[in-house]
Amino acid sequence: MSDQMSELAQQMGELATSLRDTAERLRSGRLEPEAALEAIDECAQLASRVARLGAAMDERARAAVEPLPDLPGQLPLPSAQ
């Protein structure tokens, strides 16, 4: 795994932990209404960041396995025989 992918995976793990912790605080039922609203907003922000990181990881993974498109004016490489 590349350094960028490792870093993205680490960030994804940290965000997932934060999201679980915030959700647990909400489930506890001990938050005041204002604190609960803030926790809900925090969950939404964390989920959005997780989605963006997931998209970035997917994009990098696809780029690593998909061939580059043929560009106009390029000649094909001779096959190795």
Protein backbone atom coordinates (compact mmCIF):
# COMPACT_ATOMS: atom_id res chain seq x y z
CA MET A 1 0.00 0.00 0.00
CA SER A 2 1.39 3.41 -0.89
CA ASP A 3 2.17 6.01 1.74
CA GLN A 4 -0.80 8.10 0.60
CA MET A 5 -3.16 5.14 0.88
CA SER A 6 -1.75 4.28 4.31
CA GLU A 7 -2.27 7.86 5.45
CA LEU A 8 -5.83 7.89 4.08
CA ALA A 9 -6.57 4.57 5.78
CA GLN A 10 -5.23 5.92 9.09
CA GLN A 11 -7.36 9.07 8.77
CA MET A 12 -10.38 6.92 7.92
CA GLY A 13 -9.81 4.85 11.06
CA GLU A 14 -9.48 7.95 13.24
CA LEU A 15 -12.67 9.45 11.80
CA ALA A 16 -14.55 6.18 12.28
CA THR A 17 -13.46 6.08 15.93
CA SER A 18 -14.60 9.69 16.43
CA LEU A 19 -17.92 8.92 14.78
CA ARG A 20 -18.47 5.86 17.01
CA ASP A 21 -17.57 7.86 20.14
CA THR A 22 -19.94 10.67 19.21
CA ALA A 23 -22.75 8.23 18.39
CA GLU A 24 -22.22 6.52 21.76
CA ARG A 25 -22.56 9.88 23.54
CA LEU A 26 -25.85 10.41 21.71
CA ARG A 27 -27.12 6.94 22.60
CA SER A 28 -26.32 7.45 26.28
CA GLY A 29 -29.26 9.84 26.58
CA ARG A 30 -27.35 11.97 29.07
CA LEU A 31 -26.73 14.89 26.72
CA GLU A 32 -28.61 18.13 27.11
CA PRO A 33 -30.62 19.10 24.00
CA GLU A 34 -28.04 21.68 22.86
CA ALA A 35 -25.17 19.22 23.33
CA ALA A 36 -27.16 16.56 21.45
CA LEU A 37 -27.64 18.94 18.51
CA GLU A 38 -23.91 19.67 18.49
CA ALA A 39 -23.15 15.93 18.59
CA ILE A 40 -25.54 15.30 15.69
CA ASP A 41 -23.84 18.06 13.69
CA GLU A 42 -20.44 16.57 14.54
CA CYS A 43 -21.62 13.14 13.33
CA ALA A 44 -22.78 14.66 10.05
CA GLN A 45 -19.45 16.43 9.56
CA LEU A 46 -17.47 13.29 10.39
CA ALA A 47 -19.60 11.19 8.03
CA SER A 48 -19.01 13.71 5.26
CA ARG A 49 -15.25 13.59 5.83
CA VAL A 50 -15.33 9.77 5.83
CA ALA A 51 -17.21 9.82 2.51
CA ARG A 52 -14.65 12.20 0.96
CA LEU A 53 -11.75 10.07 2.19
CA GLY A 54 -13.44 6.93 0.89
CA ALA A 55 -13.86 8.55 -2.53
CA ALA A 56 -10.19 9.60 -2.54
CA MET A 57 -9.10 6.07 -1.62
CA ASP A 58 -11.32 4.60 -4.33
CA GLU A 59 -9.95 7.03 -6.91
CA ARG A 60 -6.35 6.17 -6.05
CA ALA A 61 -7.05 2.44 -6.05
CA ARG A 62 -8.75 2.63 -9.45
CA ALA A 63 -5.93 4.71 -10.91
CA ALA A 64 -3.47 2.05 -9.81
CA VAL A 65 -5.24 -0.77 -11.66
CA GLU A 66 -6.88 0.89 -14.66
CA PRO A 67 -4.85 1.44 -17.81
CA LEU A 68 -4.36 4.97 -19.05
CA PRO A 69 -6.67 5.98 -21.89
CA ASP A 70 -5.32 6.14 -25.42
CA LEU A 71 -4.39 9.72 -26.18
CA PRO A 72 -4.79 11.16 -29.68
CA GLY A 73 -1.60 11.06 -31.70
CA GLN A 74 0.08 8.35 -29.65
CA LEU A 75 1.40 5.30 -31.42
CA PRO A 76 0.92 1.92 -29.77
CA LEU A 77 3.99 0.31 -28.26
CA PRO A 78 5.25 -2.74 -30.10
CA SER A 79 4.33 -5.94 -28.32
CA ALA A 80 7.16 -7.72 -26.55
CA GLN A 81 7.96 -11.00 -28.27
